């Protein structure tokens, strides 16, 4: 099933001009500050279009937090940042009921998670009970306190960061929590040329950076509208089967002790739809699946102790699995 053979039937099925405008506008504003890191930026935009959450891993100083703040600045919506620390309590995230002496009732005071884009810095710095406060809100877009449910305003996106090299005083995220993130983005060091450009940019700005200078180029409604468009991107039955076979293979691989869940299958499809739309296509191809498979699966599979002792990484095993699954034509 070649791209050329399928281009014509779907050519005018969906109007993607809104997606193109949104993507170009956000890329343009973030690119005024961030040098390189194109994959991180594109995956953040893809997650936004796919209505998913993102976990970003990288050593300190690789612009994880800054990029998220810049993304939020380009959107005319609410933004909150939560610094996870060992003494943070669940109520500090979701909110709590406060006694009102005037009415003699308890009024609910919303926590910082009640926002459109929520940045959680160093999510693994808080213990399990605080991490668990995110379970319901990430999956169901709502918070339940004292038996009452409070829905989140759309769009809603959680972007969490964590440091992969420093483990003292941290709490590993449980698999159930990791599974709620659409992507895990691994942020690499910049290249030599990019680092020179970073230094030159800082020198030009006289070491000052005012994030508020970035324009708000899209609205919350724009995002919701384009999320609806992306969810309608065409997916052939053969590609649904291709995605399912990849996920099934993670459960049967001798290199994997715990494979990916059915949620992973749906997330691969949603991420592929977003990538196709960002490329101006209203149908997905096997290449779209291959491009998103690593960030969707790398936090959803657990390697066997033997593979870990050999120094293998999830991305390597995912590629081994991918090579064994027949690509639809």
C-alpha atoms as a PDB file:
ATOM      1  CA  UNK A   1       0.000   0.000   0.000  1.00  0.00           C
ATOM      2  CA  UNK A   2       2.110   2.897  -1.257  1.00  0.00           C
ATOM      3  CA  UNK A   3       1.562   6.525  -0.342  1.00  0.00           C
ATOM      4  CA  UNK A   4       1.207   7.480  -3.992  1.00  0.00           C
ATOM      5  CA  UNK A   5      -1.529   4.906  -4.569  1.00  0.00           C
ATOM      6  CA  UNK A   6      -3.561   6.211  -1.646  1.00  0.00           C
ATOM      7  CA  UNK A   7      -2.944   9.946  -2.030  1.00  0.00           C
ATOM      8  CA  UNK A   8      -5.738  10.628  -4.514  1.00  0.00           C
ATOM      9  CA  UNK A   9      -8.775   9.012  -2.790  1.00  0.00           C
ATOM     10  CA  UNK A  10      -8.135  10.935   0.428  1.00  0.00           C
ATOM     11  CA  UNK A  11      -6.815  14.167  -1.060  1.00  0.00           C
ATOM     12  CA  UNK A  12      -9.722  16.409  -0.056  1.00  0.00           C
ATOM     13  CA  UNK A  13     -11.259  14.342   2.716  1.00  0.00           C
ATOM     14  CA  UNK A  14     -10.167  16.682   5.535  1.00  0.00           C
ATOM     15  CA  UNK A  15      -9.206  20.361   5.636  1.00  0.00           C
ATOM     16  CA  UNK A  16      -5.832  20.483   7.384  1.00  0.00           C
ATOM     17  CA  UNK A  17      -5.132  24.182   6.895  1.00  0.00           C
ATOM     18  CA  UNK A  18      -5.979  24.874  10.544  1.00  0.00           C
ATOM     19  CA  UNK A  19      -3.531  22.240  11.747  1.00  0.00           C
ATOM     20  CA  UNK A  20      -0.808  23.627   9.481  1.00  0.00           C
ATOM     21  CA  UNK A  21      -1.407  27.164  10.728  1.00  0.00           C
ATOM     22  CA  UNK A  22      -1.346  26.082  14.378  1.00  0.00           C
ATOM     23  CA  UNK A  23       1.826  24.006  14.011  1.00  0.00           C
ATOM     24  CA  UNK A  24       3.722  26.687  12.077  1.00  0.00           C
ATOM     25  CA  UNK A  25       2.704  29.393  14.550  1.00  0.00           C
ATOM     26  CA  UNK A  26       3.810  27.454  17.630  1.00  0.00           C
ATOM     27  CA  UNK A  27       7.049  26.258  16.007  1.00  0.00           C
ATOM     28  CA  UNK A  28       7.843  29.800  14.934  1.00  0.00           C
ATOM     29  CA  UNK A  29       7.401  31.322  18.382  1.00  0.00           C
ATOM     30  CA  UNK A  30       9.288  28.581  20.240  1.00  0.00           C
ATOM     31  CA  UNK A  31      12.057  28.732  17.614  1.00  0.00           C
ATOM     32  CA  UNK A  32      12.726  32.353  18.603  1.00  0.00           C
ATOM     33  CA  UNK A  33      14.259  31.049  21.834  1.00  0.00           C
ATOM     34  CA  UNK A  34      14.961  27.314  21.578  1.00  0.00           C
ATOM     35  CA  UNK A  35      17.866  26.176  19.426  1.00  0.00           C
ATOM     36  CA  UNK A  36      17.506  22.693  17.932  1.00  0.00           C
ATOM     37  CA  UNK A  37      15.459  20.159  19.957  1.00  0.00           C
ATOM     38  CA  UNK A  38      13.120  19.854  16.963  1.00  0.00           C
ATOM     39  CA  UNK A  39      11.947  16.376  17.955  1.00  0.00           C
ATOM     40  CA  UNK A  40      10.960  17.514  21.456  1.00  0.00           C
ATOM     41  CA  UNK A  41       9.040  20.504  20.093  1.00  0.00           C
ATOM     42  CA  UNK A  42       7.270  18.449  17.419  1.00  0.00           C
ATOM     43  CA  UNK A  43       6.330  15.701  19.885  1.00  0.00           C
ATOM     44  CA  UNK A  44       4.937  18.277  22.315  1.00  0.00           C
ATOM     45  CA  UNK A  45       2.789  19.736  19.523  1.00  0.00           C
ATOM     46  CA  UNK A  46       1.746  16.233  18.435  1.00  0.00           C
ATOM     47  CA  UNK A  47       0.722  15.402  22.005  1.00  0.00           C
ATOM     48  CA  UNK A  48      -1.285  18.617  22.172  1.00  0.00           C
ATOM     49  CA  UNK A  49      -3.107  17.702  18.954  1.00  0.00           C
ATOM     50  CA  UNK A  50      -3.631  14.112  20.107  1.00  0.00           C
ATOM     51  CA  UNK A  51      -4.966  15.278  23.489  1.00  0.00           C
ATOM     52  CA  UNK A  52      -2.265  13.426  25.411  1.00  0.00           C
ATOM     53  CA  UNK A  53       0.226  13.994  28.219  1.00  0.00           C
ATOM     54  CA  UNK A  54       4.013  14.029  28.009  1.00  0.00           C
ATOM     55  CA  UNK A  55       6.893  12.900  30.225  1.00  0.00           C
ATOM     56  CA  UNK A  56      10.228  14.556  29.379  1.00  0.00           C
ATOM     57  CA  UNK A  57      13.526  13.059  30.526  1.00  0.00           C
ATOM     58  CA  UNK A  58      16.876  14.759  30.200  1.00  0.00           C
ATOM     59  CA  UNK A  59      19.840  16.004  32.182  1.00  0.00           C
ATOM     60  CA  UNK A  60      19.531  19.467  33.771  1.00  0.00           C
ATOM     61  CA  UNK A  61      20.025  22.385  31.422  1.00  0.00           C
ATOM     62  CA  UNK A  62      18.597  20.857  28.243  1.00  0.00           C
ATOM     63  CA  UNK A  63      15.587  23.234  28.132  1.00  0.00           C
ATOM     64  CA  UNK A  64      12.922  20.730  29.249  1.00  0.00           C
ATOM     65  CA  UNK A  65      11.098  23.173  31.512  1.00  0.00           C
ATOM     66  CA  UNK A  66      11.782  26.193  29.333  1.00  0.00           C
ATOM     67  CA  UNK A  67      10.330  24.572  26.212  1.00  0.00           C
ATOM     68  CA  UNK A  68       7.130  23.676  28.054  1.00  0.00           C
ATOM     69  CA  UNK A  69       6.792  27.211  29.415  1.00  0.00           C
ATOM     70  CA  UNK A  70       7.323  28.592  25.919  1.00  0.00           C
ATOM     71  CA  UNK A  71       4.662  26.240  24.527  1.00  0.00           C
ATOM     72  CA  UNK A  72       2.212  27.455  27.166  1.00  0.00           C
ATOM     73  CA  UNK A  73       3.099  31.077  26.405  1.00  0.00           C
ATOM     74  CA  UNK A  74       2.103  30.651  22.741  1.00  0.00           C
ATOM     75  CA  UNK A  75      -1.386  29.486  23.754  1.00  0.00           C
ATOM     76  CA  UNK A  76      -4.033  31.889  25.021  1.00  0.00           C
ATOM     77  CA  UNK A  77      -5.046  29.669  27.943  1.00  0.00           C
ATOM     78  CA  UNK A  78      -4.246  29.013  31.603  1.00  0.00           C
ATOM     79  CA  UNK A  79      -0.867  27.652  32.660  1.00  0.00           C
ATOM     80  CA  UNK A  80       0.401  26.443  36.016  1.00  0.00           C
ATOM     81  CA  UNK A  81       3.676  25.020  37.230  1.00  0.00           C
ATOM     82  CA  UNK A  82       3.989  22.610  40.147  1.00  0.00           C
ATOM     83  CA  UNK A  83       7.399  21.870  41.640  1.00  0.00           C
ATOM     84  CA  UNK A  84       7.204  18.364  43.083  1.00  0.00           C
ATOM     85  CA  UNK A  85       9.089  18.006  46.370  1.00  0.00           C
ATOM     86  CA  UNK A  86       9.186  15.256  49.026  1.00  0.00           C
ATOM     87  CA  UNK A  87       6.878  17.218  51.354  1.00  0.00           C
ATOM     88  CA  UNK A  88       4.222  17.977  48.709  1.00  0.00           C
ATOM     89  CA  UNK A  89       0.800  16.608  49.643  1.00  0.00           C
ATOM     90  CA  UNK A  90      -1.994  15.457  47.282  1.00  0.00           C
ATOM     91  CA  UNK A  91      -4.173  18.398  48.367  1.00  0.00           C
ATOM     92  CA  UNK A  92      -1.391  20.762  47.279  1.00  0.00           C
ATOM     93  CA  UNK A  93      -1.949  19.478  43.734  1.00  0.00           C
ATOM     94  CA  UNK A  94      -5.679  18.866  43.421  1.00  0.00           C
ATOM     95  CA  UNK A  95      -7.039  21.319  45.987  1.00  0.00           C
ATOM     96  CA  UNK A  96      -8.900  20.947  49.265  1.00  0.00           C
ATOM     97  CA  UNK A  97     -12.106  21.896  51.057  1.00  0.00           C
ATOM     98  CA  UNK A  98     -11.746  24.973  53.267  1.00  0.00           C
ATOM     99  CA  UNK A  99     -14.181  25.958  56.004  1.00  0.00           C
ATOM    100  CA  UNK A 100     -16.045  29.197  55.282  1.00  0.00           C
ATOM    101  CA  UNK A 101     -17.121  30.780  58.598  1.00  0.00           C
ATOM    102  CA  UNK A 102     -19.591  33.098  56.840  1.00  0.00           C
ATOM    103  CA  UNK A 103     -21.620  30.259  55.351  1.00  0.00           C
ATOM    104  CA  UNK A 104     -20.547  27.578  57.860  1.00  0.00           C
ATOM    105  CA  UNK A 105     -19.885  25.347  54.846  1.00  0.00           C
ATOM    106  CA  UNK A 106     -16.764  23.848  53.354  1.00  0.00           C
ATOM    107  CA  UNK A 107     -15.832  25.463  50.039  1.00  0.00           C
ATOM    108  CA  UNK A 108     -13.572  23.719  47.567  1.00  0.00           C
ATOM    109  CA  UNK A 109     -10.386  25.629  46.783  1.00  0.00           C
ATOM    110  CA  UNK A 110      -8.938  24.491  43.477  1.00  0.00           C
ATOM    111  CA  UNK A 111      -5.324  23.380  43.339  1.00  0.00           C
ATOM    112  CA  UNK A 112      -2.802  24.287  40.613  1.00  0.00           C
ATOM    113  CA  UNK A 113      -3.758  21.237  38.544  1.00  0.00           C
ATOM    114  CA  UNK A 114      -6.883  23.162  37.524  1.00  0.00           C
ATOM    115  CA  UNK A 115      -5.375  24.719  34.430  1.00  0.00           C
ATOM    116  CA  UNK A 116      -5.105  24.035  30.695  1.00  0.00           C
ATOM    117  CA  UNK A 117      -1.403  23.241  30.545  1.00  0.00           C
ATOM    118  CA  UNK A 118       0.171  21.930  33.737  1.00  0.00           C
ATOM    119  CA  UNK A 119       3.945  21.674  34.049  1.00  0.00           C
ATOM    120  CA  UNK A 120       5.130  19.297  36.777  1.00  0.00           C
ATOM    121  CA  UNK A 121       8.817  19.752  37.437  1.00  0.00           C
ATOM    122  CA  UNK A 122      10.699  16.682  38.679  1.00  0.00           C
ATOM    123  CA  UNK A 123       7.634  14.515  39.068  1.00  0.00           C
ATOM    124  CA  UNK A 124       9.685  11.747  40.709  1.00  0.00           C
ATOM    125  CA  UNK A 125      10.660  13.991  43.646  1.00  0.00           C
ATOM    126  CA  UNK A 126       7.349  13.426  45.427  1.00  0.00           C
ATOM    127  CA  UNK A 127       6.238  10.179  47.093  1.00  0.00           C
ATOM    128  CA  UNK A 128       3.659   7.798  45.653  1.00  0.00           C
ATOM    129  CA  UNK A 129       0.638   9.298  47.422  1.00  0.00           C
ATOM    130  CA  UNK A 130       1.238  12.667  45.747  1.00  0.00           C
ATOM    131  CA  UNK A 131       1.965  11.098  42.371  1.00  0.00           C
ATOM    132  CA  UNK A 132      -1.278   9.130  42.725  1.00  0.00           C
ATOM    133  CA  UNK A 133      -3.199  12.410  42.942  1.00  0.00           C
ATOM    134  CA  UNK A 134      -2.624  12.699  39.194  1.00  0.00           C
ATOM    135  CA  UNK A 135      -4.135   9.315  38.276  1.00  0.00           C
ATOM    136  CA  UNK A 136      -7.743  10.438  37.929  1.00  0.00           C
ATOM    137  CA  UNK A 137      -7.099  13.885  36.466  1.00  0.00           C
ATOM    138  CA  UNK A 138      -4.749  12.579  33.750  1.00  0.00           C
ATOM    139  CA  UNK A 139      -7.039   9.768  32.628  1.00  0.00           C
ATOM    140  CA  UNK A 140     -10.528  11.177  33.169  1.00  0.00           C
ATOM    141  CA  UNK A 141      -9.878  14.941  33.116  1.00  0.00           C
ATOM    142  CA  UNK A 142     -11.569  15.390  36.470  1.00  0.00           C
ATOM    143  CA  UNK A 143     -10.795  15.605  40.186  1.00  0.00           C
ATOM    144  CA  UNK A 144     -12.905  14.032  42.922  1.00  0.00           C
ATOM    145  CA  UNK A 145     -12.668  15.580  46.402  1.00  0.00           C
ATOM    146  CA  UNK A 146     -14.958  14.724  49.320  1.00  0.00           C
ATOM    147  CA  UNK A 147     -17.248  12.758  47.030  1.00  0.00           C
ATOM    148  CA  UNK A 148     -17.759  15.624  44.578  1.00  0.00           C
ATOM    149  CA  UNK A 149     -16.358  15.618  41.044  1.00  0.00           C
ATOM    150  CA  UNK A 150     -14.867  18.696  39.394  1.00  0.00           C
ATOM    151  CA  UNK A 151     -14.240  18.502  35.624  1.00  0.00           C
ATOM    152  CA  UNK A 152     -11.217  20.129  33.995  1.00  0.00           C
ATOM    153  CA  UNK A 153     -11.536  22.774  31.316  1.00  0.00           C
ATOM    154  CA  UNK A 154     -10.441  21.737  27.827  1.00  0.00           C
ATOM    155  CA  UNK A 155      -7.828  21.566  26.506  1.00  0.00           C
ATOM    156  CA  UNK A 156      -5.965  19.865  29.342  1.00  0.00           C
ATOM    157  CA  UNK A 157      -2.384  18.657  29.092  1.00  0.00           C
ATOM    158  CA  UNK A 158       0.134  17.552  31.718  1.00  0.00           C
ATOM    159  CA  UNK A 159       3.822  17.876  30.888  1.00  0.00           C
ATOM    160  CA  UNK A 160       6.093  16.307  33.506  1.00  0.00           C
ATOM    161  CA  UNK A 161       9.882  16.371  33.676  1.00  0.00           C
ATOM    162  CA  UNK A 162      12.336  14.129  35.445  1.00  0.00           C
ATOM    163  CA  UNK A 163      16.099  13.789  35.690  1.00  0.00           C
ATOM    164  CA  UNK A 164      17.274  10.328  34.526  1.00  0.00           C
ATOM    165  CA  UNK A 165      20.719  10.456  36.169  1.00  0.00           C
ATOM    166  CA  UNK A 166      20.011  11.550  39.737  1.00  0.00           C
ATOM    167  CA  UNK A 167      18.107   8.980  41.796  1.00  0.00           C
ATOM    168  CA  UNK A 168      18.865   9.969  45.397  1.00  0.00           C
ATOM    169  CA  UNK A 169      15.723  11.283  47.049  1.00  0.00           C
ATOM    170  CA  UNK A 170      13.478  10.302  44.141  1.00  0.00           C
ATOM    171  CA  UNK A 171      10.486   7.996  43.860  1.00  0.00           C
ATOM    172  CA  UNK A 172      10.118   5.866  40.757  1.00  0.00           C
ATOM    173  CA  UNK A 173       6.877   6.361  38.883  1.00  0.00           C
ATOM    174  CA  UNK A 174       4.664   3.260  38.940  1.00  0.00           C
ATOM    175  CA  UNK A 175       3.845   1.579  35.630  1.00  0.00           C
ATOM    176  CA  UNK A 176       0.181   2.563  35.964  1.00  0.00           C
ATOM    177  CA  UNK A 177       1.196   6.212  36.056  1.00  0.00           C
ATOM    178  CA  UNK A 178       3.693   5.932  33.215  1.00  0.00           C
ATOM    179  CA  UNK A 179       1.002   4.322  31.055  1.00  0.00           C
ATOM    180  CA  UNK A 180      -1.039   7.526  31.227  1.00  0.00           C
ATOM    181  CA  UNK A 181       1.607   9.499  29.354  1.00  0.00           C
ATOM    182  CA  UNK A 182       1.240   9.494  25.578  1.00  0.00           C
ATOM    183  CA  UNK A 183       4.958  10.132  25.030  1.00  0.00           C
ATOM    184  CA  UNK A 184       8.189   9.838  26.949  1.00  0.00           C
ATOM    185  CA  UNK A 185      10.594  12.226  25.264  1.00  0.00           C
ATOM    186  CA  UNK A 186      14.325  11.689  25.795  1.00  0.00           C
ATOM    187  CA  UNK A 187      16.122  15.008  25.398  1.00  0.00           C
ATOM    188  CA  UNK A 188      19.702  14.743  24.089  1.00  0.00           C
ATOM    189  CA  UNK A 189      22.575  17.185  24.438  1.00  0.00           C
ATOM    190  CA  UNK A 190      22.797  19.790  21.644  1.00  0.00           C
ATOM    191  CA  UNK A 191      25.328  19.426  18.839  1.00  0.00           C
ATOM    192  CA  UNK A 192      28.435  21.625  18.772  1.00  0.00           C
ATOM    193  CA  UNK A 193      26.899  24.043  16.252  1.00  0.00           C
ATOM    194  CA  UNK A 194      23.671  24.232  18.255  1.00  0.00           C
ATOM    195  CA  UNK A 195      25.568  24.908  21.480  1.00  0.00           C
ATOM    196  CA  UNK A 196      27.504  27.714  19.827  1.00  0.00           C
ATOM    197  CA  UNK A 197      24.184  29.173  18.653  1.00  0.00           C
ATOM    198  CA  UNK A 198      22.790  28.889  22.214  1.00  0.00           C
ATOM    199  CA  UNK A 199      25.757  30.825  23.599  1.00  0.00           C
ATOM    200  CA  UNK A 200      25.493  33.457  20.859  1.00  0.00           C
ATOM    201  CA  UNK A 201      21.775  33.883  21.498  1.00  0.00           C
ATOM    202  CA  UNK A 202      22.288  34.357  25.221  1.00  0.00           C
ATOM    203  CA  UNK A 203      25.038  36.897  24.509  1.00  0.00           C
ATOM    204  CA  UNK A 204      22.788  38.789  22.085  1.00  0.00           C
ATOM    205  CA  UNK A 205      20.005  38.956  24.687  1.00  0.00           C
ATOM    206  CA  UNK A 206      22.558  40.115  27.295  1.00  0.00           C
ATOM    207  CA  UNK A 207      21.788  36.948  29.271  1.00  0.00           C
ATOM    208  CA  UNK A 208      18.172  38.019  29.722  1.00  0.00           C
ATOM    209  CA  UNK A 209      15.104  36.106  28.608  1.00  0.00           C
ATOM    210  CA  UNK A 210      11.590  37.470  28.876  1.00  0.00           C
ATOM    211  CA  UNK A 211       9.196  34.650  28.010  1.00  0.00           C
ATOM    212  CA  UNK A 212       6.249  37.047  27.997  1.00  0.00           C
ATOM    213  CA  UNK A 213       7.673  38.612  24.820  1.00  0.00           C
ATOM    214  CA  UNK A 214       6.402  35.594  22.871  1.00  0.00           C
ATOM    215  CA  UNK A 215       3.045  36.099  21.216  1.00  0.00           C
ATOM    216  CA  UNK A 216      -0.053  34.070  22.036  1.00  0.00           C
ATOM    217  CA  UNK A 217      -0.602  32.690  18.559  1.00  0.00           C
ATOM    218  CA  UNK A 218      -3.376  30.134  19.161  1.00  0.00           C
ATOM    219  CA  UNK A 219      -6.438  30.001  21.394  1.00  0.00           C
ATOM    220  CA  UNK A 220      -7.839  27.190  23.490  1.00  0.00           C
ATOM    221  CA  UNK A 221     -10.687  26.871  20.982  1.00  0.00           C
ATOM    222  CA  UNK A 222      -8.184  26.583  18.119  1.00  0.00           C
ATOM    223  CA  UNK A 223      -6.603  23.611  19.867  1.00  0.00           C
ATOM    224  CA  UNK A 224      -9.931  21.917  20.545  1.00  0.00           C
ATOM    225  CA  UNK A 225     -10.992  22.420  16.922  1.00  0.00           C
ATOM    226  CA  UNK A 226      -7.765  20.920  15.566  1.00  0.00           C
ATOM    227  CA  UNK A 227      -7.919  18.044  18.060  1.00  0.00           C
ATOM    228  CA  UNK A 228     -11.281  17.180  16.499  1.00  0.00           C
ATOM    229  CA  UNK A 229      -9.726  17.363  13.030  1.00  0.00           C
ATOM    230  CA  UNK A 230      -6.810  15.114  14.028  1.00  0.00           C
ATOM    231  CA  UNK A 231      -9.104  12.525  15.598  1.00  0.00           C
ATOM    232  CA  UNK A 232     -10.764  12.193  12.175  1.00  0.00           C
ATOM    233  CA  UNK A 233      -7.554  11.394  10.283  1.00  0.00           C
ATOM    234  CA  UNK A 234      -8.183   8.223   8.266  1.00  0.00           C
ATOM    235  CA  UNK A 235      -6.702   4.940   9.488  1.00  0.00           C
ATOM    236  CA  UNK A 236      -6.868   1.911   7.189  1.00  0.00           C
ATOM    237  CA  UNK A 237      -7.788  -1.463   8.766  1.00  0.00           C
ATOM    238  CA  UNK A 238      -4.411  -2.830   7.605  1.00  0.00           C
ATOM    239  CA  UNK A 239      -2.646  -0.164   9.652  1.00  0.00           C
ATOM    240  CA  UNK A 240      -4.803  -0.884  12.698  1.00  0.00           C
ATOM    241  CA  UNK A 241      -3.670  -4.506  12.357  1.00  0.00           C
ATOM    242  CA  UNK A 242      -0.048  -3.372  11.934  1.00  0.00           C
ATOM    243  CA  UNK A 243      -0.203  -1.367  15.173  1.00  0.00           C
ATOM    244  CA  UNK A 244      -1.869  -4.238  17.046  1.00  0.00           C
ATOM    245  CA  UNK A 245       0.767  -6.717  15.822  1.00  0.00           C
ATOM    246  CA  UNK A 246       3.573  -4.471  17.064  1.00  0.00           C
ATOM    247  CA  UNK A 247       1.983  -4.180  20.501  1.00  0.00           C
ATOM    248  CA  UNK A 248       1.275  -7.913  20.620  1.00  0.00           C
ATOM    249  CA  UNK A 249       4.920  -8.575  19.741  1.00  0.00           C
ATOM    250  CA  UNK A 250       6.093  -6.641  22.805  1.00  0.00           C
ATOM    251  CA  UNK A 251       4.218  -9.170  24.950  1.00  0.00           C
ATOM    252  CA  UNK A 252       5.783 -12.159  23.187  1.00  0.00           C
ATOM    253  CA  UNK A 253       9.358 -10.903  22.933  1.00  0.00           C
ATOM    254  CA  UNK A 254      12.038 -12.826  24.821  1.00  0.00           C
ATOM    255  CA  UNK A 255      13.690  -9.465  25.561  1.00  0.00           C
ATOM    256  CA  UNK A 256      10.644  -8.023  27.340  1.00  0.00           C
ATOM    257  CA  UNK A 257       9.307  -9.111  30.723  1.00  0.00           C
ATOM    258  CA  UNK A 258       6.254  -6.813  30.684  1.00  0.00           C
ATOM    259  CA  UNK A 259       4.788  -5.790  27.335  1.00  0.00           C
ATOM    260  CA  UNK A 260       2.671  -2.818  26.323  1.00  0.00           C
ATOM    261  CA  UNK A 261      -1.019  -2.557  27.221  1.00  0.00           C
ATOM    262  CA  UNK A 262      -4.005  -2.106  24.868  1.00  0.00           C
ATOM    263  CA  UNK A 263      -3.896   1.583  25.798  1.00  0.00           C
ATOM    264  CA  UNK A 264      -0.562   1.676  23.962  1.00  0.00           C
ATOM    265  CA  UNK A 265      -2.262   0.501  20.759  1.00  0.00           C
ATOM    266  CA  UNK A 266      -4.753   3.361  20.916  1.00  0.00           C
ATOM    267  CA  UNK A 267      -2.015   5.865  21.767  1.00  0.00           C
ATOM    268  CA  UNK A 268       0.139   4.743  18.823  1.00  0.00           C
ATOM    269  CA  UNK A 269      -2.827   5.320  16.513  1.00  0.00           C
ATOM    270  CA  UNK A 270      -3.614   8.740  18.006  1.00  0.00           C
ATOM    271  CA  UNK A 271       0.027   9.828  17.832  1.00  0.00           C
ATOM    272  CA  UNK A 272       0.257   8.609  14.225  1.00  0.00           C
ATOM    273  CA  UNK A 273      -2.825  10.622  13.336  1.00  0.00           C
ATOM    274  CA  UNK A 274      -1.243  13.746  14.811  1.00  0.00           C
ATOM    275  CA  UNK A 275       2.035  13.183  12.934  1.00  0.00           C
ATOM    276  CA  UNK A 276       0.195  12.619   9.650  1.00  0.00           C
ATOM    277  CA  UNK A 277      -1.802  15.825  10.116  1.00  0.00           C
ATOM    278  CA  UNK A 278       1.358  17.773  10.914  1.00  0.00           C
ATOM    279  CA  UNK A 279       2.767  16.559   7.589  1.00  0.00           C
ATOM    280  CA  UNK A 280      -0.325  17.698   5.703  1.00  0.00           C
ATOM    281  CA  UNK A 281      -1.836  14.226   5.172  1.00  0.00           C
ATOM    282  CA  UNK A 282      -5.313  13.133   6.186  1.00  0.00           C
ATOM    283  CA  UNK A 283      -4.355   9.457   6.400  1.00  0.00           C
ATOM    284  CA  UNK A 284      -1.609   7.641   8.285  1.00  0.00           C
ATOM    285  CA  UNK A 285       1.164   5.522   6.773  1.00  0.00           C
ATOM    286  CA  UNK A 286       3.512   2.908   8.279  1.00  0.00           C
ATOM    287  CA  UNK A 287       6.174   5.634   8.423  1.00  0.00           C
ATOM    288  CA  UNK A 288       3.998   7.672  10.807  1.00  0.00           C
ATOM    289  CA  UNK A 289       3.718   4.637  13.066  1.00  0.00           C
ATOM    290  CA  UNK A 290       7.474   4.062  12.981  1.00  0.00           C
ATOM    291  CA  UNK A 291       8.163   7.694  13.871  1.00  0.00           C
ATOM    292  CA  UNK A 292       6.038   7.673  17.022  1.00  0.00           C
ATOM    293  CA  UNK A 293       6.583   4.094  18.174  1.00  0.00           C
ATOM    294  CA  UNK A 294       9.649   4.785  20.336  1.00  0.00           C
ATOM    295  CA  UNK A 295       8.281   7.720  22.373  1.00  0.00           C
ATOM    296  CA  UNK A 296       4.958   5.907  22.809  1.00  0.00           C
ATOM    297  CA  UNK A 297       6.432   2.547  23.897  1.00  0.00           C
ATOM    298  CA  UNK A 298       9.781   3.242  25.598  1.00  0.00           C
ATOM    299  CA  UNK A 299       8.136   3.817  29.009  1.00  0.00           C
ATOM    300  CA  UNK A 300       5.567   1.050  28.574  1.00  0.00           C
ATOM    301  CA  UNK A 301       7.796  -1.990  28.276  1.00  0.00           C
ATOM    302  CA  UNK A 302      10.042  -3.553  30.907  1.00  0.00           C
ATOM    303  CA  UNK A 303      13.135  -5.336  29.663  1.00  0.00           C
ATOM    304  CA  UNK A 304      14.237  -8.676  31.049  1.00  0.00           C
ATOM    305  CA  UNK A 305      17.086  -8.562  33.596  1.00  0.00           C
ATOM    306  CA  UNK A 306      19.358 -10.236  31.044  1.00  0.00           C
ATOM    307  CA  UNK A 307      18.806  -7.486  28.486  1.00  0.00           C
ATOM    308  CA  UNK A 308      19.289  -4.791  31.110  1.00  0.00           C
ATOM    309  CA  UNK A 309      22.565  -6.367  32.211  1.00  0.00           C
ATOM    310  CA  UNK A 310      23.687  -6.321  28.582  1.00  0.00           C
ATOM    311  CA  UNK A 311      23.091  -2.570  28.595  1.00  0.00           C
ATOM    312  CA  UNK A 312      20.254  -2.630  26.077  1.00  0.00           C
ATOM    313  CA  UNK A 313      17.793   0.239  26.003  1.00  0.00           C
ATOM    314  CA  UNK A 314      14.032   0.038  25.336  1.00  0.00           C
ATOM    315  CA  UNK A 315      14.473   1.857  22.008  1.00  0.00           C
ATOM    316  CA  UNK A 316      16.825  -0.866  20.752  1.00  0.00           C
ATOM    317  CA  UNK A 317      14.403  -3.630  21.687  1.00  0.00           C
ATOM    318  CA  UNK A 318      11.489  -1.747  20.115  1.00  0.00           C
ATOM    319  CA  UNK A 319      13.410  -1.491  16.845  1.00  0.00           C
ATOM    320  CA  UNK A 320      14.217  -5.225  16.978  1.00  0.00           C
ATOM    321  CA  UNK A 321      10.501  -5.956  17.394  1.00  0.00           C
ATOM    322  CA  UNK A 322       9.591  -3.511  14.616  1.00  0.00           C
ATOM    323  CA  UNK A 323      11.890  -5.247  12.139  1.00  0.00           C
ATOM    324  CA  UNK A 324      10.082  -8.553  12.673  1.00  0.00           C
ATOM    325  CA  UNK A 325       6.558  -7.210  12.017  1.00  0.00           C
ATOM    326  CA  UNK A 326       5.464  -7.221   8.393  1.00  0.00           C
ATOM    327  CA  UNK A 327       4.785  -3.742   7.043  1.00  0.00           C
ATOM    328  CA  UNK A 328       1.486  -3.392   5.136  1.00  0.00           C
ATOM    329  CA  UNK A 329       1.879  -2.530   1.445  1.00  0.00           C
END
